[in-house]
Amino acid sequence: MKEHNWDLVPKEQLSHTFARQVIHTDSMTIARVYLKAGCSVPEHSHPNEQVSILFEGSMKFVFAPDGKEVVVRAGECVQIEAELPHSAVALEDTVAMDIFTPQREDWISGDDAYLRGK
């Protein structure tokens, strides 16, 4: 058993519109993400299944290859299958929790440039 306290998890400011707190377990990555209105996450895919749960705000997700758009609001979540290309934009200031399985190896290694400097 391991206990985590979000108040003690460092917040990484990856850009002026995107910050995150991250916990990596043996089999998953859990992130509390903070997006300012207009923050755009460019299209990408990963070998991880993802669940995004919104606590505050709203986001529009766009899924390739058909361009399907889904707006997720506070109190809602979206499940994204592994390898599905997707992008997102914060429609308003947003706080969400992203859960990935397995771990986000690219986040552990720092190979997540698509999130930095936006």
PDB file of N, CA and C in Angstrom:
ATOM      1  N   MET A   1       0.847  -1.181   0.000  1.00  0.00           N
ATOM      2  CA  MET A   1       0.000   0.000   0.000  1.00  0.00           C
ATOM      3  C   MET A   1       0.884   1.231   0.000  1.00  0.00           C
ATOM      4  N   LYS A   2       0.521   2.192  -0.822  1.00  0.00           N
ATOM      5  CA  LYS A   2       1.245   3.455  -0.860  1.00  0.00           C
ATOM      6  C   LYS A   2       0.227   4.576  -0.844  1.00  0.00           C
ATOM      7  N   GLU A   3       0.468   5.568  -0.035  1.00  0.00           N
ATOM      8  CA  GLU A   3      -0.441   6.697   0.108  1.00  0.00           C
ATOM      9  C   GLU A   3       0.117   7.903  -0.637  1.00  0.00           C
ATOM     10  N   HIS A   4      -0.768   8.639  -1.321  1.00  0.00           N
ATOM     11  CA  HIS A   4      -0.367   9.841  -2.052  1.00  0.00           C
ATOM     12  C   HIS A   4      -1.215  11.014  -1.581  1.00  0.00           C
ATOM     13  N   ASN A   5      -0.613  12.189  -1.532  1.00  0.00           N
ATOM     14  CA  ASN A   5      -1.310  13.411  -1.141  1.00  0.00           C
ATOM     15  C   ASN A   5      -1.091  14.432  -2.261  1.00  0.00           C
ATOM     16  N   TRP A   6      -2.164  14.805  -2.977  1.00  0.00           N
ATOM     17  CA  TRP A   6      -2.024  15.750  -4.099  1.00  0.00           C
ATOM     18  C   TRP A   6      -1.402  17.062  -3.654  1.00  0.00           C
ATOM     19  N   ASP A   7      -1.600  17.468  -2.411  1.00  0.00           N
ATOM     20  CA  ASP A   7      -1.017  18.721  -1.929  1.00  0.00           C
ATOM     21  C   ASP A   7       0.505  18.663  -1.897  1.00  0.00           C
ATOM     22  N   LEU A   8       1.072  17.458  -1.897  1.00  0.00           N
ATOM     23  CA  LEU A   8       2.527  17.294  -1.848  1.00  0.00           C
ATOM     24  C   LEU A   8       3.135  16.916  -3.201  1.00  0.00           C
ATOM     25  N   VAL A   9       2.295  16.689  -4.209  1.00  0.00           N
ATOM     26  CA  VAL A   9       2.794  16.331  -5.539  1.00  0.00           C
ATOM     27  C   VAL A   9       3.163  17.618  -6.269  1.00  0.00           C
ATOM     28  N   PRO A  10       4.416  17.728  -6.738  1.00  0.00           N
ATOM     29  CA  PRO A  10       4.836  18.961  -7.424  1.00  0.00           C
ATOM     30  C   PRO A  10       3.995  19.229  -8.672  1.00  0.00           C
ATOM     31  N   LYS A  11       3.731  20.500  -8.913  1.00  0.00           N
ATOM     32  CA  LYS A  11       3.005  20.905 -10.120  1.00  0.00           C
ATOM     33  C   LYS A  11       4.030  21.329 -11.166  1.00  0.00           C
ATOM     34  N   GLU A  12       3.981  20.669 -12.335  1.00  0.00           N
ATOM     35  CA  GLU A  12       4.853  21.008 -13.457  1.00  0.00           C
ATOM     36  C   GLU A  12       4.122  22.003 -14.344  1.00  0.00           C
ATOM     37  N   GLN A  13       4.730  23.166 -14.586  1.00  0.00           N
ATOM     38  CA  GLN A  13       4.155  24.151 -15.499  1.00  0.00           C
ATOM     39  C   GLN A  13       4.812  23.925 -16.857  1.00  0.00           C
ATOM     40  N   LEU A  14       4.136  23.188 -17.744  1.00  0.00           N
ATOM     41  CA  LEU A  14       4.710  22.823 -19.039  1.00  0.00           C
ATOM     42  C   LEU A  14       4.620  23.943 -20.057  1.00  0.00           C
ATOM     43  N   SER A  15       3.662  24.842 -19.879  1.00  0.00           N
ATOM     44  CA  SER A  15       3.516  26.006 -20.747  1.00  0.00           C
ATOM     45  C   SER A  15       2.745  27.062 -19.969  1.00  0.00           C
ATOM     46  N   HIS A  16       2.486  28.189 -20.597  1.00  0.00           N
ATOM     47  CA  HIS A  16       1.727  29.227 -19.883  1.00  0.00           C
ATOM     48  C   HIS A  16       0.248  28.871 -19.749  1.00  0.00           C
ATOM     49  N   THR A  17      -0.214  27.808 -20.460  1.00  0.00           N
ATOM     50  CA  THR A  17      -1.627  27.417 -20.392  1.00  0.00           C
ATOM     51  C   THR A  17      -1.850  25.998 -19.880  1.00  0.00           C
ATOM     52  N   PHE A  18      -0.764  25.268 -19.584  1.00  0.00           N
ATOM     53  CA  PHE A  18      -0.920  23.856 -19.200  1.00  0.00           C
ATOM     54  C   PHE A  18       0.025  23.497 -18.062  1.00  0.00           C
ATOM     55  N   ALA A  19      -0.559  22.933 -16.991  1.00  0.00           N
ATOM     56  CA  ALA A  19       0.234  22.433 -15.861  1.00  0.00           C
ATOM     57  C   ALA A  19      -0.332  21.078 -15.457  1.00  0.00           C
ATOM     58  N   ARG A  20       0.505  20.294 -14.769  1.00  0.00           N
ATOM     59  CA  ARG A  20       0.040  18.979 -14.330  1.00  0.00           C
ATOM     60  C   ARG A  20       0.753  18.558 -13.054  1.00  0.00           C
ATOM     61  N   GLN A  21       0.081  17.689 -12.317  1.00  0.00           N
ATOM     62  CA  GLN A  21       0.662  16.950 -11.210  1.00  0.00           C
ATOM     63  C   GLN A  21       0.538  15.490 -11.602  1.00  0.00           C
ATOM     64  N   VAL A  22       1.579  14.688 -11.355  1.00  0.00           N
ATOM     65  CA  VAL A  22       1.587  13.318 -11.865  1.00  0.00           C
ATOM     66  C   VAL A  22       1.998  12.336 -10.778  1.00  0.00           C
ATOM     67  N   ILE A  23       1.270  11.227 -10.738  1.00  0.00           N
ATOM     68  CA  ILE A  23       1.631  10.081  -9.905  1.00  0.00           C
ATOM     69  C   ILE A  23       1.739   8.877 -10.832  1.00  0.00           C
ATOM     70  N   HIS A  24       2.877   8.194 -10.781  1.00  0.00           N
ATOM     71  CA  HIS A  24       3.072   6.961 -11.544  1.00  0.00           C
ATOM     72  C   HIS A  24       3.016   5.789 -10.573  1.00  0.00           C
ATOM     73  N   THR A  25       2.127   4.837 -10.828  1.00  0.00           N
ATOM     74  CA  THR A  25       2.087   3.614 -10.045  1.00  0.00           C
ATOM     75  C   THR A  25       2.797   2.531 -10.850  1.00  0.00           C
ATOM     76  N   ASP A  26       2.748   1.304 -10.387  1.00  0.00           N
ATOM     77  CA  ASP A  26       3.376   0.207 -11.114  1.00  0.00           C
ATOM     78  C   ASP A  26       2.711  -0.061 -12.455  1.00  0.00           C
ATOM     79  N   SER A  27       1.428   0.282 -12.593  1.00  0.00           N
ATOM     80  CA  SER A  27       0.709  -0.077 -13.816  1.00  0.00           C
ATOM     81  C   SER A  27      -0.097   1.057 -14.444  1.00  0.00           C
ATOM     82  N   MET A  28      -0.029   2.260 -13.874  1.00  0.00           N
ATOM     83  CA  MET A  28      -0.798   3.365 -14.456  1.00  0.00           C
ATOM     84  C   MET A  28      -0.150   4.693 -14.137  1.00  0.00           C
ATOM     85  N   THR A  29      -0.589   5.702 -14.856  1.00  0.00           N
ATOM     86  CA  THR A  29      -0.224   7.090 -14.584  1.00  0.00           C
ATOM     87  C   THR A  29      -1.507   7.847 -14.306  1.00  0.00           C
ATOM     88  N   ILE A  30      -1.486   8.634 -13.230  1.00  0.00           N
ATOM     89  CA  ILE A  30      -2.634   9.452 -12.851  1.00  0.00           C
ATOM     90  C   ILE A  30      -2.143  10.895 -12.824  1.00  0.00           C
ATOM     91  N   ALA A  31      -2.852  11.774 -13.528  1.00  0.00           N
ATOM     92  CA  ALA A  31      -2.433  13.168 -13.590  1.00  0.00           C
ATOM     93  C   ALA A  31      -3.603  14.092 -13.307  1.00  0.00           C
ATOM     94  N   ARG A  32      -3.349  15.085 -12.476  1.00  0.00           N
ATOM     95  CA  ARG A  32      -4.302  16.174 -12.313  1.00  0.00           C
ATOM     96  C   ARG A  32      -3.786  17.275 -13.235  1.00  0.00           C
ATOM     97  N   VAL A  33      -4.611  17.678 -14.202  1.00  0.00           N
ATOM     98  CA  VAL A  33      -4.171  18.642 -15.212  1.00  0.00           C
ATOM     99  C   VAL A  33      -4.965  19.932 -15.079  1.00  0.00           C
ATOM    100  N   TYR A  34      -4.277  21.032 -15.382  1.00  0.00           N
ATOM    101  CA  TYR A  34      -4.840  22.373 -15.281  1.00  0.00           C
ATOM    102  C   TYR A  34      -4.645  23.050 -16.632  1.00  0.00           C
ATOM    103  N   LEU A  35      -5.740  23.367 -17.303  1.00  0.00           N
ATOM    104  CA  LEU A  35      -5.681  23.988 -18.617  1.00  0.00           C
ATOM    105  C   LEU A  35      -6.415  25.325 -18.572  1.00  0.00           C
ATOM    106  N   LYS A  36      -5.764  26.370 -19.063  1.00  0.00           N
ATOM    107  CA  LYS A  36      -6.432  27.663 -19.179  1.00  0.00           C
ATOM    108  C   LYS A  36      -7.286  27.659 -20.439  1.00  0.00           C
ATOM    109  N   ALA A  37      -8.342  28.440 -20.442  1.00  0.00           N
ATOM    110  CA  ALA A  37      -9.218  28.540 -21.611  1.00  0.00           C
ATOM    111  C   ALA A  37      -8.378  28.790 -22.860  1.00  0.00           C
ATOM    112  N   GLY A  38      -8.641  28.022 -23.907  1.00  0.00           N
ATOM    113  CA  GLY A  38      -7.915  28.157 -25.161  1.00  0.00           C
ATOM    114  C   GLY A  38      -6.710  27.253 -25.281  1.00  0.00           C
ATOM    115  N   CYS A  39      -6.309  26.627 -24.189  1.00  0.00           N
ATOM    116  CA  CYS A  39      -5.164  25.709 -24.244  1.00  0.00           C
ATOM    117  C   CYS A  39      -5.485  24.584 -25.225  1.00  0.00           C
ATOM    118  N   SER A  40      -4.557  24.345 -26.133  1.00  0.00           N
ATOM    119  CA  SER A  40      -4.754  23.329 -27.160  1.00  0.00           C
ATOM    120  C   SER A  40      -3.730  22.208 -26.988  1.00  0.00           C
ATOM    121  N   VAL A  41      -4.215  20.982 -26.977  1.00  0.00           N
ATOM    122  CA  VAL A  41      -3.340  19.808 -26.973  1.00  0.00           C
ATOM    123  C   VAL A  41      -3.381  19.254 -28.393  1.00  0.00           C
ATOM    124  N   PRO A  42      -2.251  19.310 -29.116  1.00  0.00           N
ATOM    125  CA  PRO A  42      -2.270  18.891 -30.522  1.00  0.00           C
ATOM    126  C   PRO A  42      -2.562  17.409 -30.689  1.00  0.00           C
ATOM    127  N   GLU A  43      -2.956  17.036 -31.894  1.00  0.00           N
ATOM    128  CA  GLU A  43      -3.268  15.636 -32.159  1.00  0.00           C
ATOM    129  C   GLU A  43      -2.070  14.753 -31.827  1.00  0.00           C
ATOM    130  N   HIS A  44      -2.362  13.672 -31.157  1.00  0.00           N
ATOM    131  CA  HIS A  44      -1.343  12.707 -30.758  1.00  0.00           C
ATOM    132  C   HIS A  44      -2.044  11.382 -30.470  1.00  0.00           C
ATOM    133  N   SER A  45      -1.271  10.352 -30.300  1.00  0.00           N
ATOM    134  CA  SER A  45      -1.803   9.062 -29.855  1.00  0.00           C
ATOM    135  C   SER A  45      -0.761   8.439 -28.944  1.00  0.00           C
ATOM    136  N   HIS A  46      -1.171   7.429 -28.207  1.00  0.00           N
ATOM    137  CA  HIS A  46      -0.269   6.752 -27.285  1.00  0.00           C
ATOM    138  C   HIS A  46      -0.770   5.333 -27.071  1.00  0.00           C
ATOM    139  N   PRO A  47       0.110   4.463 -26.620  1.00  0.00           N
ATOM    140  CA  PRO A  47      -0.273   3.060 -26.428  1.00  0.00           C
ATOM    141  C   PRO A  47      -1.075   2.818 -25.149  1.00  0.00           C
ATOM    142  N   ASN A  48      -1.527   3.898 -24.534  1.00  0.00           N
ATOM    143  CA  ASN A  48      -2.231   3.819 -23.264  1.00  0.00           C
ATOM    144  C   ASN A  48      -3.719   4.057 -23.449  1.00  0.00           C
ATOM    145  N   GLU A  49      -4.541   3.271 -22.751  1.00  0.00           N
ATOM    146  CA  GLU A  49      -5.942   3.635 -22.629  1.00  0.00           C
ATOM    147  C   GLU A  49      -5.994   4.834 -21.687  1.00  0.00           C
ATOM    148  N   GLN A  50      -6.911   5.756 -21.948  1.00  0.00           N
ATOM    149  CA  GLN A  50      -7.010   6.985 -21.167  1.00  0.00           C
ATOM    150  C   GLN A  50      -8.453   7.223 -20.747  1.00  0.00           C
ATOM    151  N   VAL A  51      -8.618   7.670 -19.514  1.00  0.00           N
ATOM    152  CA  VAL A  51      -9.900   8.176 -19.043  1.00  0.00           C
ATOM    153  C   VAL A  51      -9.640   9.589 -18.535  1.00  0.00           C
ATOM    154  N   SER A  52     -10.385  10.557 -19.053  1.00  0.00           N
ATOM    155  CA  SER A  52     -10.289  11.946 -18.607  1.00  0.00           C
ATOM    156  C   SER A  52     -11.577  12.316 -17.891  1.00  0.00           C
ATOM    157  N   ILE A  53     -11.434  12.740 -16.636  1.00  0.00           N
ATOM    158  CA  ILE A  53     -12.560  13.102 -15.781  1.00  0.00           C
ATOM    159  C   ILE A  53     -12.461  14.595 -15.512  1.00  0.00           C
ATOM    160  N   LEU A  54     -13.490  15.353 -15.866  1.00  0.00           N
ATOM    161  CA  LEU A  54     -13.460  16.796 -15.653  1.00  0.00           C
ATOM    162  C   LEU A  54     -14.110  17.163 -14.326  1.00  0.00           C
ATOM    163  N   PHE A  55     -13.392  17.965 -13.545  1.00  0.00           N
ATOM    164  CA  PHE A  55     -13.894  18.460 -12.268  1.00  0.00           C
ATOM    165  C   PHE A  55     -14.406  19.886 -12.394  1.00  0.00           C
ATOM    166  N   GLU A  56     -13.737  20.663 -13.253  1.00  0.00           N
ATOM    167  CA  GLU A  56     -14.121  22.062 -13.498  1.00  0.00           C
ATOM    168  C   GLU A  56     -13.929  22.343 -14.979  1.00  0.00           C
ATOM    169  N   GLY A  57     -14.777  23.201 -15.546  1.00  0.00           N
ATOM    170  CA  GLY A  57     -14.594  23.646 -16.913  1.00  0.00           C
ATOM    171  C   GLY A  57     -15.168  22.707 -17.950  1.00  0.00           C
ATOM    172  N   SER A  58     -14.659  22.844 -19.187  1.00  0.00           N
ATOM    173  CA  SER A  58     -15.102  21.988 -20.289  1.00  0.00           C
ATOM    174  C   SER A  58     -14.003  21.921 -21.341  1.00  0.00           C
ATOM    175  N   MET A  59     -14.015  20.796 -22.070  1.00  0.00           N
ATOM    176  CA  MET A  59     -13.023  20.574 -23.126  1.00  0.00           C
ATOM    177  C   MET A  59     -13.696  19.958 -24.338  1.00  0.00           C
ATOM    178  N   LYS A  60     -13.173  20.306 -25.507  1.00  0.00           N
ATOM    179  CA  LYS A  60     -13.618  19.662 -26.741  1.00  0.00           C
ATOM    180  C   LYS A  60     -12.510  18.729 -27.197  1.00  0.00           C
ATOM    181  N   PHE A  61     -12.841  17.455 -27.356  1.00  0.00           N
ATOM    182  CA  PHE A  61     -11.931  16.453 -27.890  1.00  0.00           C
ATOM    183  C   PHE A  61     -12.307  16.197 -29.338  1.00  0.00           C
ATOM    184  N   VAL A  62     -11.303  16.022 -30.192  1.00  0.00           N
ATOM    185  CA  VAL A  62     -11.525  15.672 -31.592  1.00  0.00           C
ATOM    186  C   VAL A  62     -10.780  14.376 -31.855  1.00  0.00           C
ATOM    187  N   PHE A  63     -11.489  13.402 -32.424  1.00  0.00           N
ATOM    188  CA  PHE A  63     -10.941  12.068 -32.646  1.00  0.00           C
ATOM    189  C   PHE A  63     -10.769  11.799 -34.135  1.00  0.00           C
ATOM    190  N   ALA A  64      -9.559  11.353 -34.502  1.00  0.00           N
ATOM    191  CA  ALA A  64      -9.274  10.962 -35.884  1.00  0.00           C
ATOM    192  C   ALA A  64      -9.661   9.497 -36.026  1.00  0.00           C
ATOM    193  N   PRO A  65      -9.868   8.982 -37.185  1.00  0.00           N
ATOM    194  CA  PRO A  65      -9.684   9.678 -38.465  1.00  0.00           C
ATOM    195  C   PRO A  65     -10.934  10.404 -38.933  1.00  0.00           C
ATOM    196  N   ASP A  66     -12.068  10.251 -38.255  1.00  0.00           N
ATOM    197  CA  ASP A  66     -13.315  10.815 -38.779  1.00  0.00           C
ATOM    198  C   ASP A  66     -13.615  12.225 -38.285  1.00  0.00           C
ATOM    199  N   GLY A  67     -12.800  12.769 -37.384  1.00  0.00           N
ATOM    200  CA  GLY A  67     -13.016  14.126 -36.901  1.00  0.00           C
ATOM    201  C   GLY A  67     -14.172  14.281 -35.928  1.00  0.00           C
ATOM    202  N   LYS A  68     -14.602  13.164 -35.319  1.00  0.00           N
ATOM    203  CA  LYS A  68     -15.708  13.230 -34.354  1.00  0.00           C
ATOM    204  C   LYS A  68     -15.328  14.151 -33.200  1.00  0.00           C
ATOM    205  N   GLU A  69     -16.241  15.073 -32.854  1.00  0.00           N
ATOM    206  CA  GLU A  69     -16.021  16.009 -31.762  1.00  0.00           C
ATOM    207  C   GLU A  69     -16.904  15.638 -30.571  1.00  0.00           C
ATOM    208  N   VAL A  70     -16.302  15.682 -29.375  1.00  0.00           N
ATOM    209  CA  VAL A  70     -17.026  15.400 -28.147  1.00  0.00           C
ATOM    210  C   VAL A  70     -16.689  16.498 -27.145  1.00  0.00           C
ATOM    211  N   VAL A  71     -17.711  17.155 -26.618  1.00  0.00           N
ATOM    212  CA  VAL A  71     -17.501  18.154 -25.566  1.00  0.00           C
ATOM    213  C   VAL A  71     -17.776  17.480 -24.231  1.00  0.00           C
ATOM    214  N   VAL A  72     -16.798  17.596 -23.327  1.00  0.00           N
ATOM    215  CA  VAL A  72     -16.895  16.999 -22.001  1.00  0.00           C
ATOM    216  C   VAL A  72     -16.906  18.148 -20.993  1.00  0.00           C
ATOM    217  N   ARG A  73     -17.860  18.090 -20.070  1.00  0.00           N
ATOM    218  CA  ARG A  73     -18.040  19.158 -19.078  1.00  0.00           C
ATOM    219  C   ARG A  73     -17.775  18.626 -17.670  1.00  0.00           C
ATOM    220  N   ALA A  74     -17.683  19.547 -16.732  1.00  0.00           N
ATOM    221  CA  ALA A  74     -17.472  19.169 -15.328  1.00  0.00           C
ATOM    222  C   ALA A  74     -18.498  18.118 -14.922  1.00  0.00           C
ATOM    223  N   GLY A  75     -18.025  17.065 -14.266  1.00  0.00           N
ATOM    224  CA  GLY A  75     -18.885  15.974 -13.837  1.00  0.00           C
ATOM    225  C   GLY A  75     -18.996  14.860 -14.866  1.00  0.00           C
ATOM    226  N   GLU A  76     -18.346  15.020 -16.014  1.00  0.00           N
ATOM    227  CA  GLU A  76     -18.385  14.009 -17.077  1.00  0.00           C
ATOM    228  C   GLU A  76     -16.987  13.475 -17.319  1.00  0.00           C
ATOM    229  N   CYS A  77     -16.923  12.354 -18.052  1.00  0.00           N
ATOM    230  CA  CYS A  77     -15.625  11.798 -18.417  1.00  0.00           C
ATOM    231  C   CYS A  77     -15.699  11.203 -19.813  1.00  0.00           C
ATOM    232  N   VAL A  78     -14.524  10.988 -20.388  1.00  0.00           N
ATOM    233  CA  VAL A  78     -14.414  10.373 -21.705  1.00  0.00           C
ATOM    234  C   VAL A  78     -13.360   9.270 -21.611  1.00  0.00           C
ATOM    235  N   GLN A  79     -13.635   8.153 -22.249  1.00  0.00           N
ATOM    236  CA  GLN A  79     -12.698   7.029 -22.306  1.00  0.00           C
ATOM    237  C   GLN A  79     -12.122   6.988 -23.718  1.00  0.00           C
ATOM    238  N   ILE A  80     -10.787   6.970 -23.812  1.00  0.00           N
ATOM    239  CA  ILE A  80     -10.099   6.997 -25.103  1.00  0.00           C
ATOM    240  C   ILE A  80      -9.285   5.721 -25.241  1.00  0.00           C
ATOM    241  N   GLU A  81      -9.583   4.947 -26.275  1.00  0.00           N
ATOM    242  CA  GLU A  81      -8.874   3.684 -26.461  1.00  0.00           C
ATOM    243  C   GLU A  81      -7.418   3.924 -26.854  1.00  0.00           C
ATOM    244  N   ALA A  82      -6.574   2.964 -26.563  1.00  0.00           N
ATOM    245  CA  ALA A  82      -5.154   3.046 -26.906  1.00  0.00           C
ATOM    246  C   ALA A  82      -4.985   3.234 -28.409  1.00  0.00           C
ATOM    247  N   GLU A  83      -4.004   4.017 -28.796  1.00  0.00           N
ATOM    248  CA  GLU A  83      -3.611   4.285 -30.190  1.00  0.00           C
ATOM    249  C   GLU A  83      -4.600   5.126 -30.977  1.00  0.00           C
ATOM    250  N   LEU A  84      -5.671   5.638 -30.372  1.00  0.00           N
ATOM    251  CA  LEU A  84      -6.639   6.458 -31.093  1.00  0.00           C
ATOM    252  C   LEU A  84      -6.129   7.903 -31.161  1.00  0.00           C
ATOM    253  N   PRO A  85      -5.824   8.408 -32.349  1.00  0.00           N
ATOM    254  CA  PRO A  85      -5.372   9.805 -32.454  1.00  0.00           C
ATOM    255  C   PRO A  85      -6.459  10.761 -31.971  1.00  0.00           C
ATOM    256  N   HIS A  86      -6.043  11.746 -31.174  1.00  0.00           N
ATOM    257  CA  HIS A  86      -6.991  12.709 -30.638  1.00  0.00           C
ATOM    258  C   HIS A  86      -6.289  14.018 -30.316  1.00  0.00           C
ATOM    259  N   SER A  87      -7.075  15.080 -30.279  1.00  0.00           N
ATOM    260  CA  SER A  87      -6.599  16.389 -29.853  1.00  0.00           C
ATOM    261  C   SER A  87      -7.654  16.948 -28.900  1.00  0.00           C
ATOM    262  N   ALA A  88      -7.321  18.054 -28.250  1.00  0.00           N
ATOM    263  CA  ALA A  88      -8.270  18.645 -27.306  1.00  0.00           C
ATOM    264  C   ALA A  88      -8.011  20.137 -27.184  1.00  0.00           C
ATOM    265  N   VAL A  89      -9.058  20.869 -26.826  1.00  0.00           N
ATOM    266  CA  VAL A  89      -8.926  22.288 -26.518  1.00  0.00           C
ATOM    267  C   VAL A  89      -9.811  22.587 -25.307  1.00  0.00           C
ATOM    268  N   ALA A  90      -9.262  23.375 -24.396  1.00  0.00           N
ATOM    269  CA  ALA A  90     -10.027  23.792 -23.217  1.00  0.00           C
ATOM    270  C   ALA A  90     -10.955  24.929 -23.624  1.00  0.00           C
ATOM    271  N   LEU A  91     -12.247  24.735 -23.458  1.00  0.00           N
ATOM    272  CA  LEU A  91     -13.224  25.755 -23.812  1.00  0.00           C
ATOM    273  C   LEU A  91     -13.331  26.827 -22.732  1.00  0.00           C
ATOM    274  N   GLU A  92     -12.886  26.491 -21.532  1.00  0.00           N
ATOM    275  CA  GLU A  92     -12.820  27.412 -20.405  1.00  0.00           C
ATOM    276  C   GLU A  92     -11.742  26.879 -19.462  1.00  0.00           C
ATOM    277  N   ASP A  93     -11.385  27.639 -18.453  1.00  0.00           N
ATOM    278  CA  ASP A  93     -10.403  27.135 -17.496  1.00  0.00           C
ATOM    279  C   ASP A  93     -10.897  25.791 -16.975  1.00  0.00           C
ATOM    280  N   THR A  94     -10.010  24.804 -16.992  1.00  0.00           N
ATOM    281  CA  THR A  94     -10.415  23.423 -16.728  1.00  0.00           C
ATOM    282  C   THR A  94      -9.450  22.746 -15.766  1.00  0.00           C
ATOM    283  N   VAL A  95     -10.020  21.943 -14.867  1.00  0.00           N
ATOM    284  CA  VAL A  95      -9.249  21.041 -14.011  1.00  0.00           C
ATOM    285  C   VAL A  95      -9.789  19.645 -14.269  1.00  0.00           C
ATOM    286  N   ALA A  96      -8.892  18.720 -14.604  1.00  0.00           N
ATOM    287  CA  ALA A  96      -9.303  17.361 -14.935  1.00  0.00           C
ATOM    288  C   ALA A  96      -8.322  16.362 -14.353  1.00  0.00           C
ATOM    289  N   MET A  97      -8.749  15.118 -14.305  1.00  0.00           N
ATOM    290  CA  MET A  97      -7.870  14.027 -13.932  1.00  0.00           C
ATOM    291  C   MET A  97      -7.785  13.086 -15.124  1.00  0.00           C
ATOM    292  N   ASP A  98      -6.557  12.814 -15.561  1.00  0.00           N
ATOM    293  CA  ASP A  98      -6.307  11.859 -16.635  1.00  0.00           C
ATOM    294  C   ASP A  98      -5.705  10.606 -16.024  1.00  0.00           C
ATOM    295  N   ILE A  99      -6.292   9.473 -16.367  1.00  0.00           N
ATOM    296  CA  ILE A  99      -5.804   8.180 -15.885  1.00  0.00           C
ATOM    297  C   ILE A  99      -5.402   7.376 -17.100  1.00  0.00           C
ATOM    298  N   PHE A 100      -4.177   6.868 -17.091  1.00  0.00           N
ATOM    299  CA  PHE A 100      -3.635   6.113 -18.213  1.00  0.00           C
ATOM    300  C   PHE A 100      -3.179   4.740 -17.741  1.00  0.00           C
ATOM    301  N   THR A 101      -3.429   3.726 -18.560  1.00  0.00           N
ATOM    302  CA  THR A 101      -2.870   2.407 -18.302  1.00  0.00           C
ATOM    303  C   THR A 101      -2.394   1.821 -19.615  1.00  0.00           C
ATOM    304  N   PRO A 102      -1.185   1.273 -19.690  1.00  0.00           N
ATOM    305  CA  PRO A 102      -0.173   1.256 -18.628  1.00  0.00           C
ATOM    306  C   PRO A 102       0.402   2.656 -18.396  1.00  0.00           C
ATOM    307  N   GLN A 103       1.484   2.731 -17.623  1.00  0.00           N
ATOM    308  CA  GLN A 103       2.144   3.997 -17.331  1.00  0.00           C
ATOM    309  C   GLN A 103       2.467   4.752 -18.615  1.00  0.00           C
ATOM    310  N   ARG A 104       2.501   6.099 -18.520  1.00  0.00           N
ATOM    311  CA  ARG A 104       2.937   6.934 -19.632  1.00  0.00           C
ATOM    312  C   ARG A 104       4.463   6.991 -19.614  1.00  0.00           C
ATOM    313  N   GLU A 105       5.080   6.061 -20.319  1.00  0.00           N
ATOM    314  CA  GLU A 105       6.546   6.006 -20.378  1.00  0.00           C
ATOM    315  C   GLU A 105       7.129   7.288 -20.970  1.00  0.00           C
ATOM    316  N   ASP A 106       6.405   7.911 -21.926  1.00  0.00           N
ATOM    317  CA  ASP A 106       6.907   9.154 -22.524  1.00  0.00           C
ATOM    318  C   ASP A 106       6.933  10.283 -21.492  1.00  0.00           C
ATOM    319  N   TRP A 107       6.003  10.281 -20.554  1.00  0.00           N
ATOM    320  CA  TRP A 107       6.026  11.288 -19.498  1.00  0.00           C
ATOM    321  C   TRP A 107       7.149  11.017 -18.506  1.00  0.00           C
ATOM    322  N   ILE A 108       7.401   9.763 -18.223  1.00  0.00           N
ATOM    323  CA  ILE A 108       8.480   9.402 -17.299  1.00  0.00           C
ATOM    324  C   ILE A 108       9.829   9.804 -17.880  1.00  0.00           C
ATOM    325  N   SER A 109      10.011   9.565 -19.181  1.00  0.00           N
ATOM    326  CA  SER A 109      11.293   9.866 -19.831  1.00  0.00           C
ATOM    327  C   SER A 109      11.412  11.327 -20.255  1.00  0.00           C
ATOM    328  N   GLY A 110      10.300  12.088 -20.223  1.00  0.00           N
ATOM    329  CA  GLY A 110      10.329  13.480 -20.658  1.00  0.00           C
ATOM    330  C   GLY A 110      10.158  13.642 -22.162  1.00  0.00           C
ATOM    331  N   ASP A 111       9.747  12.577 -22.843  1.00  0.00           N
ATOM    332  CA  ASP A 111       9.565  12.609 -24.290  1.00  0.00           C
ATOM    333  C   ASP A 111       8.129  13.015 -24.636  1.00  0.00           C
ATOM    334  N   ASP A 112       7.691  14.137 -24.094  1.00  0.00           N
ATOM    335  CA  ASP A 112       6.317  14.611 -24.275  1.00  0.00           C
ATOM    336  C   ASP A 112       6.314  16.055 -24.764  1.00  0.00           C
ATOM    337  N   ALA A 113       7.171  16.334 -25.748  1.00  0.00           N
ATOM    338  CA  ALA A 113       7.346  17.695 -26.251  1.00  0.00           C
ATOM    339  C   ALA A 113       6.066  18.297 -26.782  1.00  0.00           C
ATOM    340  N   TYR A 114       5.129  17.471 -27.253  1.00  0.00           N
ATOM    341  CA  TYR A 114       3.879  18.011 -27.803  1.00  0.00           C
ATOM    342  C   TYR A 114       3.080  18.789 -26.753  1.00  0.00           C
ATOM    343  N   LEU A 115       3.359  18.573 -25.467  1.00  0.00           N
ATOM    344  CA  LEU A 115       2.656  19.261 -24.402  1.00  0.00           C
ATOM    345  C   LEU A 115       3.383  20.526 -23.922  1.00  0.00           C
ATOM    346  N   ARG A 116       4.630  20.663 -24.295  1.00  0.00           N
ATOM    347  CA  ARG A 116       5.465  21.721 -23.725  1.00  0.00           C
ATOM    348  C   ARG A 116       5.503  22.960 -24.618  1.00  0.00           C
ATOM    349  N   GLY A 117       5.475  24.112 -23.976  1.00  0.00           N
ATOM    350  CA  GLY A 117       5.661  25.366 -24.689  1.00  0.00           C
ATOM    351  C   GLY A 117       4.477  25.864 -25.477  1.00  0.00           C
ATOM    352  N   LYS A 118       3.287  25.298 -25.258  1.00  0.00           N
ATOM    353  CA  LYS A 118       2.104  25.758 -26.008  1.00  0.00           C
ATOM    354  C   LYS A 118       1.535  26.999 -25.370  1.00  0.00           C
TER     355      LYS A 118
END
